[in-house]
Amino acid sequence: MTTTLTSTQSIDDLLAQAHQVQREWAGLPLRERLRPVRALRRLIATECDNLCAAIARDVGKPSEEAIGSDLLSWADACRFLETQAISLMRPRRVPSAQRPLWMWGQSDTVYRRPRGVVGIIGTWNYPLYLNGVQIVQALTAGNTVVWKPSEVVPSCSAALFDLLRRAGYPDGVVRMLAPTRENGPALLEADIDHLVFTATTADSIESLDRLAEVVGDLR
């Protein structure tokens, strides 16, 4: 499931593989994509002590805070997907009251489709909750994920990735880049279909400026 770039492999090669796997993953029924979510929620509970230890090593949170801020919230997000994802992803007819008068007599249906390859530049302060929820939501919707974790939470990143593997996610649906600062901008400029980014205020301003430059170049 993981990929670390080497001198002979470009991020473009990795993205091409992610796009190919995404088409296969999105073709599975939603109930199939939800099976690893159920397994993951159980693993969060059974691996609670190990996950708390990883959080303590990386960011110094005591177990009580780690359970409340990361583990329970992550498990609850998984539970929400288990119970609500099918209805949320189902095609929805737009009621006539929500259509303008000039569309009288017409019908409108909203279809939810996966975006494709989702790039995630991970955060450090809630290393399991925020990263875990973003990854699982993207996967449930039929996307594949290329994830650049924070360089300051190596234990949590390794633990999170191991749980995804053990939960049963297929090889290739999640690819983890080396947690270097250089891989963040590289992912930003790569052939991804959607970007999820969480950072501190100073980093956000710098990265948003760079994002504006990239978007401007694409116009």
N, C-alpha and C. Protein backbone atom coordinates (compact mmCIF):
# COMPACT_ATOMS: atom_id res chain seq x y z
N MET A 1 0.81 -1.21 0.00
CA MET A 1 0.00 0.00 0.00
C MET A 1 0.85 1.26 0.00
N THR A 2 2.07 1.21 0.48
CA THR A 2 2.86 2.42 0.62
C THR A 2 3.86 2.57 -0.50
N THR A 3 4.20 3.81 -0.80
CA THR A 3 5.19 4.10 -1.81
C THR A 3 6.05 5.25 -1.33
N THR A 4 7.35 5.07 -1.31
CA THR A 4 8.28 6.14 -1.03
C THR A 4 9.06 6.41 -2.30
N LEU A 5 9.10 7.65 -2.72
CA LEU A 5 9.75 7.96 -3.98
C LEU A 5 11.25 7.69 -3.92
N THR A 6 11.77 7.14 -5.00
CA THR A 6 13.19 6.89 -5.11
C THR A 6 13.73 7.69 -6.28
N SER A 7 15.04 7.61 -6.51
CA SER A 7 15.66 8.38 -7.58
C SER A 7 15.18 7.92 -8.95
N THR A 8 14.64 6.70 -9.04
CA THR A 8 14.21 6.17 -10.33
C THR A 8 12.70 6.24 -10.51
N GLN A 9 12.00 6.78 -9.53
CA GLN A 9 10.55 6.85 -9.61
C GLN A 9 10.09 8.28 -9.37
N SER A 10 9.34 8.84 -10.28
CA SER A 10 8.83 10.20 -10.12
C SER A 10 7.44 10.16 -9.51
N ILE A 11 7.02 11.29 -9.00
CA ILE A 11 5.67 11.36 -8.46
C ILE A 11 4.63 11.19 -9.57
N ASP A 12 5.01 11.53 -10.81
CA ASP A 12 4.11 11.31 -11.93
C ASP A 12 3.84 9.82 -12.14
N ASP A 13 4.87 8.98 -11.98
CA ASP A 13 4.68 7.53 -12.10
C ASP A 13 3.72 7.04 -11.02
N LEU A 14 3.91 7.53 -9.82
CA LEU A 14 3.05 7.11 -8.71
C LEU A 14 1.60 7.52 -8.96
N LEU A 15 1.40 8.74 -9.45
CA LEU A 15 0.04 9.21 -9.71
C LEU A 15 -0.61 8.41 -10.83
N ALA A 16 0.15 8.03 -11.83
CA ALA A 16 -0.41 7.22 -12.92
C ALA A 16 -0.92 5.89 -12.38
N GLN A 17 -0.17 5.27 -11.47
CA GLN A 17 -0.60 4.02 -10.85
C GLN A 17 -1.85 4.25 -9.99
N ALA A 18 -1.88 5.37 -9.27
CA ALA A 18 -3.03 5.66 -8.41
C ALA A 18 -4.29 5.86 -9.24
N HIS A 19 -4.16 6.51 -10.39
CA HIS A 19 -5.33 6.70 -11.26
C HIS A 19 -5.84 5.35 -11.78
N GLN A 20 -4.95 4.46 -12.10
CA GLN A 20 -5.37 3.15 -12.61
C GLN A 20 -6.10 2.35 -11.54
N VAL A 21 -5.55 2.33 -10.34
CA VAL A 21 -6.18 1.60 -9.25
C VAL A 21 -7.53 2.22 -8.89
N GLN A 22 -7.62 3.55 -9.01
CA GLN A 22 -8.86 4.23 -8.63
C GLN A 22 -10.04 3.75 -9.45
N ARG A 23 -9.84 3.53 -10.72
CA ARG A 23 -10.95 3.09 -11.56
C ARG A 23 -11.48 1.73 -11.11
N GLU A 24 -10.58 0.85 -10.69
CA GLU A 24 -10.99 -0.47 -10.20
C GLU A 24 -11.70 -0.34 -8.85
N TRP A 25 -11.14 0.48 -7.96
CA TRP A 25 -11.70 0.66 -6.62
C TRP A 25 -13.10 1.29 -6.70
N ALA A 26 -13.25 2.31 -7.53
CA ALA A 26 -14.55 2.98 -7.66
C ALA A 26 -15.60 2.07 -8.26
N GLY A 27 -15.17 1.05 -9.01
CA GLY A 27 -16.12 0.13 -9.62
C GLY A 27 -16.72 -0.87 -8.65
N LEU A 28 -16.17 -0.97 -7.45
CA LEU A 28 -16.74 -1.88 -6.45
C LEU A 28 -18.02 -1.29 -5.87
N PRO A 29 -18.97 -2.14 -5.47
CA PRO A 29 -20.16 -1.62 -4.78
C PRO A 29 -19.76 -0.91 -3.49
N LEU A 30 -20.53 0.08 -3.12
CA LEU A 30 -20.22 0.84 -1.91
C LEU A 30 -20.16 -0.06 -0.69
N ARG A 31 -20.99 -1.07 -0.60
CA ARG A 31 -20.96 -1.97 0.55
C ARG A 31 -19.60 -2.67 0.66
N GLU A 32 -18.97 -2.95 -0.47
CA GLU A 32 -17.64 -3.56 -0.45
C GLU A 32 -16.61 -2.57 0.08
N ARG A 33 -16.73 -1.31 -0.31
CA ARG A 33 -15.78 -0.31 0.15
C ARG A 33 -15.97 0.02 1.62
N LEU A 34 -17.13 -0.31 2.17
CA LEU A 34 -17.38 -0.06 3.59
C LEU A 34 -16.85 -1.17 4.50
N ARG A 35 -16.58 -2.34 3.95
CA ARG A 35 -16.10 -3.44 4.80
C ARG A 35 -14.83 -3.08 5.57
N PRO A 36 -13.82 -2.48 4.93
CA PRO A 36 -12.63 -2.11 5.71
C PRO A 36 -12.92 -1.05 6.77
N VAL A 37 -13.96 -0.23 6.56
CA VAL A 37 -14.29 0.79 7.56
C VAL A 37 -14.73 0.12 8.85
N ARG A 38 -15.55 -0.91 8.74
CA ARG A 38 -16.00 -1.63 9.94
C ARG A 38 -14.82 -2.28 10.65
N ALA A 39 -13.95 -2.91 9.87
CA ALA A 39 -12.77 -3.56 10.46
C ALA A 39 -11.87 -2.53 11.11
N LEU A 40 -11.71 -1.38 10.49
CA LEU A 40 -10.86 -0.33 11.05
C LEU A 40 -11.39 0.17 12.38
N ARG A 41 -12.71 0.35 12.47
CA ARG A 41 -13.28 0.84 13.74
C ARG A 41 -12.97 -0.14 14.87
N ARG A 42 -13.05 -1.42 14.59
CA ARG A 42 -12.74 -2.41 15.63
C ARG A 42 -11.25 -2.39 15.98
N LEU A 43 -10.41 -2.19 14.99
CA LEU A 43 -8.97 -2.14 15.25
C LEU A 43 -8.59 -0.93 16.10
N ILE A 44 -9.27 0.18 15.88
CA ILE A 44 -9.00 1.37 16.70
C ILE A 44 -9.23 1.05 18.17
N ALA A 45 -10.28 0.27 18.45
CA ALA A 45 -10.58 -0.09 19.84
C ALA A 45 -9.56 -1.08 20.38
N THR A 46 -9.26 -2.13 19.62
CA THR A 46 -8.37 -3.17 20.13
C THR A 46 -6.92 -2.69 20.22
N GLU A 47 -6.53 -1.72 19.40
CA GLU A 47 -5.16 -1.21 19.41
C GLU A 47 -5.04 0.10 20.19
N CYS A 48 -5.99 0.37 21.05
CA CYS A 48 -6.04 1.65 21.76
C CYS A 48 -4.73 1.97 22.48
N ASP A 49 -4.18 1.01 23.24
CA ASP A 49 -2.97 1.28 24.01
C ASP A 49 -1.79 1.59 23.10
N ASN A 50 -1.63 0.84 22.03
CA ASN A 50 -0.52 1.09 21.11
C ASN A 50 -0.67 2.43 20.41
N LEU A 51 -1.88 2.78 20.04
CA LEU A 51 -2.11 4.06 19.37
C LEU A 51 -1.86 5.23 20.33
N CYS A 52 -2.28 5.08 21.56
CA CYS A 52 -2.00 6.13 22.56
C CYS A 52 -0.50 6.30 22.77
N ALA A 53 0.22 5.19 22.77
CA ALA A 53 1.67 5.26 22.93
C ALA A 53 2.32 5.99 21.76
N ALA A 54 1.82 5.73 20.55
CA ALA A 54 2.36 6.41 19.37
C ALA A 54 2.11 7.91 19.45
N ILE A 55 0.91 8.30 19.87
CA ILE A 55 0.58 9.72 20.00
C ILE A 55 1.45 10.37 21.07
N ALA A 56 1.68 9.67 22.17
CA ALA A 56 2.52 10.20 23.25
C ALA A 56 3.95 10.42 22.76
N ARG A 57 4.48 9.47 21.99
CA ARG A 57 5.84 9.62 21.48
C ARG A 57 5.98 10.81 20.54
N ASP A 58 4.99 11.01 19.71
CA ASP A 58 5.12 12.04 18.68
C ASP A 58 4.74 13.44 19.15
N VAL A 59 3.64 13.57 19.88
CA VAL A 59 3.15 14.90 20.23
C VAL A 59 2.98 15.10 21.73
N GLY A 60 3.24 14.08 22.53
CA GLY A 60 3.24 14.24 23.98
C GLY A 60 1.88 14.30 24.65
N LYS A 61 0.82 13.88 23.96
CA LYS A 61 -0.49 13.89 24.58
C LYS A 61 -0.62 12.73 25.57
N PRO A 62 -1.21 12.96 26.74
CA PRO A 62 -1.50 11.84 27.64
C PRO A 62 -2.59 10.96 27.05
N SER A 63 -2.70 9.75 27.57
CA SER A 63 -3.66 8.79 27.01
C SER A 63 -5.09 9.30 27.04
N GLU A 64 -5.46 9.97 28.14
CA GLU A 64 -6.83 10.45 28.26
C GLU A 64 -7.17 11.43 27.15
N GLU A 65 -6.24 12.31 26.85
CA GLU A 65 -6.48 13.29 25.79
C GLU A 65 -6.44 12.62 24.41
N ALA A 66 -5.52 11.68 24.23
CA ALA A 66 -5.42 10.99 22.94
C ALA A 66 -6.70 10.21 22.63
N ILE A 67 -7.25 9.55 23.64
CA ILE A 67 -8.48 8.78 23.43
C ILE A 67 -9.63 9.72 23.08
N GLY A 68 -9.76 10.83 23.82
CA GLY A 68 -10.87 11.74 23.60
C GLY A 68 -10.77 12.52 22.31
N SER A 69 -9.56 12.99 21.98
CA SER A 69 -9.42 13.88 20.83
C SER A 69 -9.17 13.15 19.52
N ASP A 70 -8.54 11.98 19.58
CA ASP A 70 -8.18 11.28 18.35
C ASP A 70 -8.97 9.99 18.14
N LEU A 71 -8.88 9.08 19.11
CA LEU A 71 -9.38 7.73 18.86
C LEU A 71 -10.91 7.65 18.84
N LEU A 72 -11.56 8.24 19.84
CA LEU A 72 -13.03 8.18 19.85
C LEU A 72 -13.62 8.94 18.66
N SER A 73 -13.02 10.07 18.34
CA SER A 73 -13.53 10.86 17.20
C SER A 73 -13.33 10.11 15.90
N TRP A 74 -12.21 9.46 15.74
CA TRP A 74 -11.93 8.69 14.52
C TRP A 74 -12.89 7.50 14.41
N ALA A 75 -13.06 6.76 15.51
CA ALA A 75 -13.96 5.62 15.50
C ALA A 75 -15.40 6.06 15.23
N ASP A 76 -15.80 7.21 15.79
CA ASP A 76 -17.15 7.70 15.57
C ASP A 76 -17.36 8.11 14.11
N ALA A 77 -16.33 8.66 13.49
CA ALA A 77 -16.42 9.01 12.07
C ALA A 77 -16.58 7.76 11.21
N CYS A 78 -15.90 6.69 11.60
CA CYS A 78 -16.07 5.42 10.89
C CYS A 78 -17.50 4.90 11.05
N ARG A 79 -18.00 4.99 12.26
CA ARG A 79 -19.37 4.54 12.52
C ARG A 79 -20.38 5.34 11.70
N PHE A 80 -20.15 6.64 11.59
CA PHE A 80 -21.04 7.49 10.79
C PHE A 80 -21.06 7.02 9.33
N LEU A 81 -19.90 6.70 8.78
CA LEU A 81 -19.86 6.22 7.41
C LEU A 81 -20.59 4.89 7.27
N GLU A 82 -20.42 4.02 8.23
CA GLU A 82 -21.09 2.72 8.18
C GLU A 82 -22.61 2.88 8.09
N THR A 83 -23.15 3.83 8.82
CA THR A 83 -24.60 3.97 8.90
C THR A 83 -25.18 4.95 7.89
N GLN A 84 -24.37 5.89 7.41
CA GLN A 84 -24.92 6.97 6.58
C GLN A 84 -24.38 7.01 5.16
N ALA A 85 -23.28 6.33 4.87
CA ALA A 85 -22.65 6.50 3.56
C ALA A 85 -23.58 6.08 2.41
N ILE A 86 -24.30 4.99 2.59
CA ILE A 86 -25.15 4.51 1.49
C ILE A 86 -26.23 5.54 1.15
N SER A 87 -26.87 6.11 2.15
CA SER A 87 -27.90 7.11 1.87
C SER A 87 -27.28 8.41 1.34
N LEU A 88 -26.11 8.78 1.83
CA LEU A 88 -25.46 10.00 1.37
C LEU A 88 -25.01 9.90 -0.08
N MET A 89 -24.57 8.71 -0.48
CA MET A 89 -24.05 8.53 -1.83
C MET A 89 -25.13 8.20 -2.85
N ARG A 90 -26.34 7.94 -2.40
CA ARG A 90 -27.43 7.56 -3.30
C ARG A 90 -27.84 8.76 -4.16
N PRO A 91 -28.17 8.56 -5.43
CA PRO A 91 -28.68 9.66 -6.26
C PRO A 91 -29.89 10.32 -5.60
N ARG A 92 -29.95 11.64 -5.69
CA ARG A 92 -31.00 12.39 -4.99
C ARG A 92 -31.77 13.26 -5.98
N ARG A 93 -33.08 13.05 -6.04
CA ARG A 93 -33.93 13.91 -6.86
C ARG A 93 -34.07 15.28 -6.19
N VAL A 94 -33.92 16.31 -6.95
CA VAL A 94 -34.06 17.66 -6.42
C VAL A 94 -35.54 18.01 -6.38
N PRO A 95 -36.10 18.36 -5.21
CA PRO A 95 -37.52 18.69 -5.12
C PRO A 95 -37.87 19.89 -5.98
N SER A 96 -39.11 19.93 -6.44
CA SER A 96 -39.54 21.04 -7.29
C SER A 96 -39.41 22.38 -6.59
N ALA A 97 -39.57 22.38 -5.26
CA ALA A 97 -39.46 23.63 -4.52
C ALA A 97 -38.05 24.20 -4.56
N GLN A 98 -37.07 23.38 -4.88
CA GLN A 98 -35.69 23.83 -4.93
C GLN A 98 -35.23 24.15 -6.36
N ARG A 99 -36.17 24.13 -7.31
CA ARG A 99 -35.85 24.47 -8.69
C ARG A 99 -36.55 25.77 -9.07
N PRO A 100 -35.95 26.58 -9.93
CA PRO A 100 -36.60 27.84 -10.33
C PRO A 100 -37.84 27.58 -11.16
N LEU A 101 -38.69 28.59 -11.22
CA LEU A 101 -39.97 28.45 -11.92
C LEU A 101 -39.79 28.09 -13.39
N TRP A 102 -38.72 28.64 -14.00
CA TRP A 102 -38.55 28.38 -15.43
C TRP A 102 -38.14 26.94 -15.73
N MET A 103 -37.86 26.13 -14.67
CA MET A 103 -37.57 24.72 -14.88
C MET A 103 -38.79 23.85 -14.57
N TRP A 104 -39.98 24.47 -14.53
CA TRP A 104 -41.21 23.71 -14.25
C TRP A 104 -41.39 22.61 -15.30
N GLY A 105 -41.75 21.43 -14.80
CA GLY A 105 -41.96 20.30 -15.70
C GLY A 105 -40.71 19.49 -15.99
N GLN A 106 -39.57 19.94 -15.49
CA GLN A 106 -38.32 19.22 -15.70
C GLN A 106 -37.92 18.50 -14.41
N SER A 107 -37.03 17.55 -14.54
CA SER A 107 -36.53 16.83 -13.36
C SER A 107 -35.03 17.04 -13.24
N ASP A 108 -34.54 16.94 -12.02
CA ASP A 108 -33.12 17.16 -11.75
C ASP A 108 -32.67 16.16 -10.70
N THR A 109 -31.60 15.45 -10.98
CA THR A 109 -31.07 14.44 -10.05
C THR A 109 -29.59 14.71 -9.81
N VAL A 110 -29.19 14.66 -8.56
CA VAL A 110 -27.79 14.85 -8.17
C VAL A 110 -27.14 13.48 -7.99
N TYR A 111 -26.06 13.25 -8.72
CA TYR A 111 -25.29 12.02 -8.59
C TYR A 111 -23.94 12.35 -7.95
N ARG A 112 -23.58 11.58 -6.95
CA ARG A 112 -22.30 11.78 -6.28
C ARG A 112 -21.28 10.83 -6.90
N ARG A 113 -20.22 11.41 -7.45
CA ARG A 113 -19.18 10.63 -8.11
C ARG A 113 -17.85 10.87 -7.42
N PRO A 114 -16.97 9.86 -7.39
CA PRO A 114 -15.63 10.09 -6.84
C PRO A 114 -14.86 11.08 -7.70
N ARG A 115 -13.99 11.83 -7.07
CA ARG A 115 -13.20 12.81 -7.80
C ARG A 115 -12.06 12.14 -8.57
N GLY A 116 -11.50 11.06 -8.01
CA GLY A 116 -10.39 10.37 -8.65
C GLY A 116 -9.28 10.10 -7.65
N VAL A 117 -8.15 10.78 -7.81
CA VAL A 117 -7.03 10.65 -6.88
C VAL A 117 -7.03 11.87 -5.97
N VAL A 118 -7.12 11.64 -4.68
CA VAL A 118 -7.14 12.71 -3.68
C VAL A 118 -5.77 12.80 -3.01
N GLY A 119 -5.16 13.96 -3.09
CA GLY A 119 -3.91 14.21 -2.38
C GLY A 119 -4.21 14.76 -1.00
N ILE A 120 -3.55 14.23 0.01
CA ILE A 120 -3.75 14.70 1.39
C ILE A 120 -2.40 15.09 1.97
N ILE A 121 -2.27 16.35 2.34
CA ILE A 121 -1.09 16.83 3.06
C ILE A 121 -1.47 16.84 4.54
N GLY A 122 -0.90 15.91 5.27
CA GLY A 122 -1.39 15.63 6.62
C GLY A 122 -0.96 16.62 7.67
N THR A 123 -1.72 16.61 8.76
CA THR A 123 -1.45 17.46 9.90
C THR A 123 -0.78 16.67 11.02
N TRP A 124 -0.24 17.39 12.01
CA TRP A 124 0.47 16.72 13.10
C TRP A 124 -0.28 16.78 14.42
N ASN A 125 -1.16 17.80 14.61
CA ASN A 125 -1.69 18.02 15.96
C ASN A 125 -2.77 17.01 16.35
N TYR A 126 -3.53 16.51 15.38
CA TYR A 126 -4.45 15.39 15.61
C TYR A 126 -4.07 14.31 14.60
N PRO A 127 -2.96 13.64 14.85
CA PRO A 127 -2.33 12.83 13.79
C PRO A 127 -3.13 11.61 13.35
N LEU A 128 -3.96 11.06 14.22
CA LEU A 128 -4.77 9.92 13.83
C LEU A 128 -6.18 10.35 13.41
N TYR A 129 -6.76 11.26 14.15
CA TYR A 129 -8.14 11.67 13.85
C TYR A 129 -8.25 12.38 12.50
N LEU A 130 -7.51 13.48 12.34
CA LEU A 130 -7.67 14.25 11.11
C LEU A 130 -7.18 13.49 9.88
N ASN A 131 -6.00 12.91 9.96
CA ASN A 131 -5.50 12.13 8.83
C ASN A 131 -6.38 10.92 8.55
N GLY A 132 -6.76 10.21 9.62
CA GLY A 132 -7.55 9.00 9.44
C GLY A 132 -8.92 9.27 8.84
N VAL A 133 -9.60 10.30 9.32
CA VAL A 133 -10.93 10.61 8.80
C VAL A 133 -10.86 11.05 7.35
N GLN A 134 -9.89 11.90 7.01
CA GLN A 134 -9.77 12.37 5.64
C GLN A 134 -9.50 11.21 4.68
N ILE A 135 -8.64 10.30 5.08
CA ILE A 135 -8.31 9.16 4.22
C ILE A 135 -9.52 8.25 4.05
N VAL A 136 -10.18 7.90 5.15
CA VAL A 136 -11.28 6.95 5.09
C VAL A 136 -12.47 7.53 4.33
N GLN A 137 -12.75 8.81 4.51
CA GLN A 137 -13.85 9.42 3.76
C GLN A 137 -13.57 9.39 2.26
N ALA A 138 -12.35 9.73 1.88
CA ALA A 138 -11.99 9.73 0.46
C ALA A 138 -12.10 8.33 -0.13
N LEU A 139 -11.63 7.33 0.61
CA LEU A 139 -11.68 5.96 0.12
C LEU A 139 -13.12 5.46 0.01
N THR A 140 -13.94 5.76 0.98
CA THR A 140 -15.33 5.31 0.95
C THR A 140 -16.07 5.86 -0.26
N ALA A 141 -15.74 7.08 -0.65
CA ALA A 141 -16.40 7.70 -1.80
C ALA A 141 -15.90 7.15 -3.14
N GLY A 142 -14.89 6.27 -3.10
CA GLY A 142 -14.41 5.66 -4.34
C GLY A 142 -13.14 6.27 -4.89
N ASN A 143 -12.50 7.14 -4.12
CA ASN A 143 -11.24 7.72 -4.54
C ASN A 143 -10.07 6.86 -4.08
N THR A 144 -8.91 7.05 -4.68
CA THR A 144 -7.67 6.58 -4.10
C THR A 144 -6.97 7.78 -3.47
N VAL A 145 -5.99 7.51 -2.62
CA VAL A 145 -5.36 8.57 -1.82
C VAL A 145 -3.84 8.51 -1.97
N VAL A 146 -3.25 9.67 -2.18
CA VAL A 146 -1.81 9.84 -2.05
C VAL A 146 -1.60 10.77 -0.87
N TRP A 147 -0.97 10.26 0.17
CA TRP A 147 -0.91 10.94 1.47
C TRP A 147 0.53 11.31 1.79
N LYS A 148 0.75 12.60 2.09
CA LYS A 148 2.04 13.06 2.58
C LYS A 148 1.88 13.41 4.05
N PRO A 149 2.27 12.50 4.96
CA PRO A 149 2.09 12.80 6.39
C PRO A 149 3.08 13.84 6.88
N SER A 150 2.78 14.38 8.04
CA SER A 150 3.69 15.34 8.66
C SER A 150 4.99 14.65 9.06
N GLU A 151 6.08 15.40 8.94
CA GLU A 151 7.39 14.82 9.28
C GLU A 151 7.62 14.70 10.78
N VAL A 152 6.74 15.29 11.60
CA VAL A 152 6.97 15.27 13.05
C VAL A 152 6.17 14.19 13.78
N VAL A 153 5.41 13.36 13.04
CA VAL A 153 4.62 12.31 13.70
C VAL A 153 4.89 10.95 13.04
N PRO A 154 6.13 10.49 13.03
CA PRO A 154 6.44 9.23 12.33
C PRO A 154 5.77 8.02 12.94
N SER A 155 5.68 7.96 14.26
CA SER A 155 5.06 6.79 14.91
C SER A 155 3.58 6.70 14.57
N CYS A 156 2.89 7.84 14.62
CA CYS A 156 1.46 7.85 14.32
C CYS A 156 1.20 7.52 12.86
N SER A 157 2.02 8.05 11.97
CA SER A 157 1.83 7.78 10.54
C SER A 157 2.00 6.31 10.24
N ALA A 158 3.03 5.71 10.82
CA ALA A 158 3.26 4.27 10.61
C ALA A 158 2.12 3.45 11.20
N ALA A 159 1.63 3.84 12.38
CA ALA A 159 0.54 3.10 13.02
C ALA A 159 -0.74 3.23 12.22
N LEU A 160 -1.04 4.42 11.72
CA LEU A 160 -2.25 4.63 10.94
C LEU A 160 -2.20 3.80 9.66
N PHE A 161 -1.08 3.84 8.98
CA PHE A 161 -0.96 3.11 7.73
C PHE A 161 -1.07 1.61 7.96
N ASP A 162 -0.50 1.13 9.06
CA ASP A 162 -0.59 -0.29 9.38
C ASP A 162 -2.04 -0.70 9.65
N LEU A 163 -2.80 0.15 10.33
CA LEU A 163 -4.21 -0.16 10.59
C LEU A 163 -5.02 -0.23 9.30
N LEU A 164 -4.73 0.67 8.35
CA LEU A 164 -5.43 0.62 7.07
C LEU A 164 -5.15 -0.70 6.35
N ARG A 165 -3.91 -1.14 6.41
CA ARG A 165 -3.53 -2.41 5.77
C ARG A 165 -4.25 -3.57 6.44
N ARG A 166 -4.24 -3.59 7.77
CA ARG A 166 -4.85 -4.69 8.49
C ARG A 166 -6.37 -4.68 8.38
N ALA A 167 -6.95 -3.50 8.14
CA ALA A 167 -8.40 -3.42 7.99
C ALA A 167 -8.87 -4.03 6.68
N GLY A 168 -7.95 -4.22 5.74
CA GLY A 168 -8.32 -4.89 4.50
C GLY A 168 -8.39 -4.02 3.27
N TYR A 169 -7.89 -2.79 3.35
CA TYR A 169 -7.86 -1.98 2.14
C TYR A 169 -6.90 -2.59 1.13
N PRO A 170 -7.28 -2.68 -0.13
CA PRO A 170 -6.43 -3.33 -1.14
C PRO A 170 -5.14 -2.56 -1.38
N ASP A 171 -4.15 -3.28 -1.88
CA ASP A 171 -2.88 -2.64 -2.22
C ASP A 171 -3.12 -1.54 -3.25
N GLY A 172 -2.49 -0.41 -3.02
CA GLY A 172 -2.52 0.66 -3.99
C GLY A 172 -3.57 1.71 -3.80
N VAL A 173 -4.60 1.47 -2.96
CA VAL A 173 -5.63 2.49 -2.81
C VAL A 173 -5.15 3.65 -1.94
N VAL A 174 -4.16 3.39 -1.08
CA VAL A 174 -3.53 4.45 -0.30
C VAL A 174 -2.02 4.35 -0.55
N ARG A 175 -1.44 5.47 -0.93
CA ARG A 175 0.01 5.52 -1.12
C ARG A 175 0.56 6.63 -0.24
N MET A 176 1.57 6.26 0.55
CA MET A 176 2.14 7.21 1.51
C MET A 176 3.49 7.69 1.00
N LEU A 177 3.59 9.00 0.81
CA LEU A 177 4.86 9.58 0.41
C LEU A 177 5.77 9.71 1.63
N ALA A 178 7.05 9.82 1.36
CA ALA A 178 7.99 10.11 2.45
C ALA A 178 7.60 11.45 3.08
N PRO A 179 7.64 11.56 4.42
CA PRO A 179 7.14 12.77 5.09
C PRO A 179 8.16 13.90 5.07
N THR A 180 8.56 14.32 3.90
CA THR A 180 9.50 15.44 3.77
C THR A 180 8.75 16.70 3.38
N ARG A 181 9.31 17.84 3.70
CA ARG A 181 8.68 19.11 3.34
C ARG A 181 8.65 19.29 1.83
N GLU A 182 9.62 18.69 1.13
CA GLU A 182 9.65 18.82 -0.33
C GLU A 182 8.48 18.11 -1.01
N ASN A 183 8.00 17.03 -0.40
CA ASN A 183 6.92 16.26 -1.03
C ASN A 183 5.57 16.95 -0.94
N GLY A 184 5.42 17.92 -0.04
CA GLY A 184 4.18 18.68 0.01
C GLY A 184 3.97 19.50 -1.26
N PRO A 185 4.91 20.40 -1.60
CA PRO A 185 4.77 21.15 -2.86
C PRO A 185 4.74 20.24 -4.08
N ALA A 186 5.49 19.13 -4.05
CA ALA A 186 5.47 18.21 -5.19
C ALA A 186 4.09 17.62 -5.40
N LEU A 187 3.41 17.27 -4.31
CA LEU A 187 2.06 16.73 -4.41
C LEU A 187 1.09 17.80 -4.89
N LEU A 188 1.29 19.03 -4.44
CA LEU A 188 0.43 20.13 -4.83
C LEU A 188 0.43 20.34 -6.34
N GLU A 189 1.57 20.14 -6.96
CA GLU A 189 1.71 20.39 -8.39
C GLU A 189 1.53 19.13 -9.23
N ALA A 190 1.22 18.01 -8.58
CA ALA A 190 1.10 16.74 -9.31
C ALA A 190 -0.30 16.60 -9.92
N ASP A 191 -0.49 15.50 -10.65
CA ASP A 191 -1.75 15.26 -11.37
C ASP A 191 -2.78 14.62 -10.44
N ILE A 192 -3.19 15.39 -9.43
CA ILE A 192 -4.24 14.93 -8.52
C ILE A 192 -5.55 15.60 -8.91
N ASP A 193 -6.65 15.02 -8.45
CA ASP A 193 -7.97 15.55 -8.78
C ASP A 193 -8.58 16.39 -7.67
N HIS A 194 -8.03 16.27 -6.47
CA HIS A 194 -8.55 17.02 -5.33
C HIS A 194 -7.46 17.05 -4.27
N LEU A 195 -7.40 18.14 -3.51
CA LEU A 195 -6.38 18.29 -2.47
C LEU A 195 -7.04 18.58 -1.14
N VAL A 196 -6.60 17.86 -0.10
CA VAL A 196 -7.00 18.13 1.28
C VAL A 196 -5.75 18.59 2.01
N PHE A 197 -5.82 19.77 2.62
CA PHE A 197 -4.63 20.36 3.24
C PHE A 197 -4.98 20.92 4.60
N THR A 198 -4.23 20.56 5.61
CA THR A 198 -4.39 21.08 6.96
C THR A 198 -3.02 21.52 7.44
N ALA A 199 -2.94 22.73 8.01
CA ALA A 199 -1.62 23.20 8.46
C ALA A 199 -1.82 24.29 9.50
N THR A 200 -0.71 24.77 10.04
CA THR A 200 -0.75 25.90 10.95
C THR A 200 -1.00 27.16 10.14
N THR A 201 -1.28 28.26 10.84
CA THR A 201 -1.61 29.50 10.14
C THR A 201 -0.48 29.97 9.24
N ALA A 202 0.76 29.97 9.75
CA ALA A 202 1.89 30.44 8.95
C ALA A 202 2.09 29.56 7.72
N ASP A 203 2.03 28.25 7.90
CA ASP A 203 2.17 27.33 6.77
C ASP A 203 1.03 27.51 5.79
N SER A 204 -0.18 27.74 6.31
CA SER A 204 -1.33 27.88 5.43
C SER A 204 -1.18 29.08 4.51
N ILE A 205 -0.73 30.21 5.06
CA ILE A 205 -0.57 31.40 4.24
C ILE A 205 0.45 31.16 3.14
N GLU A 206 1.58 30.56 3.50
CA GLU A 206 2.62 30.29 2.50
C GLU A 206 2.11 29.32 1.44
N SER A 207 1.42 28.26 1.87
CA SER A 207 0.97 27.24 0.93
C SER A 207 -0.18 27.75 0.07
N LEU A 208 -1.07 28.57 0.64
CA LEU A 208 -2.16 29.12 -0.15
C LEU A 208 -1.63 30.07 -1.22
N ASP A 209 -0.56 30.82 -0.89
CA ASP A 209 0.06 31.67 -1.90
C ASP A 209 0.60 30.82 -3.04
N ARG A 210 1.23 29.70 -2.70
CA ARG A 210 1.76 28.82 -3.72
C ARG A 210 0.63 28.19 -4.53
N LEU A 211 -0.46 27.82 -3.85
CA LEU A 211 -1.61 27.25 -4.54
C LEU A 211 -2.19 28.24 -5.54
N ALA A 212 -2.25 29.50 -5.14
CA ALA A 212 -2.77 30.53 -6.05
C ALA A 212 -1.89 30.65 -7.29
N GLU A 213 -0.58 30.53 -7.10
CA GLU A 213 0.34 30.58 -8.23
C GLU A 213 0.09 29.41 -9.18
N VAL A 214 -0.09 28.21 -8.61
CA VAL A 214 -0.31 27.02 -9.44
C VAL A 214 -1.60 27.15 -10.21
N VAL A 215 -2.67 27.56 -9.52
CA VAL A 215 -3.96 27.71 -10.19
C VAL A 215 -3.88 28.76 -11.28
N GLY A 216 -3.15 29.84 -11.03
CA GLY A 216 -2.98 30.87 -12.04
C GLY A 216 -2.25 30.35 -13.27
N ASP A 217 -1.27 29.47 -13.06
CA ASP A 217 -0.52 28.90 -14.18
C ASP A 217 -1.40 27.99 -15.03
N LEU A 218 -2.43 27.39 -14.41
CA LEU A 218 -3.28 26.46 -15.13
C LEU A 218 -4.34 27.16 -15.98
N ARG A 219 -4.59 28.43 -15.72
CA ARG A 219 -5.64 29.16 -16.44
C ARG A 219 -5.18 29.52 -17.84
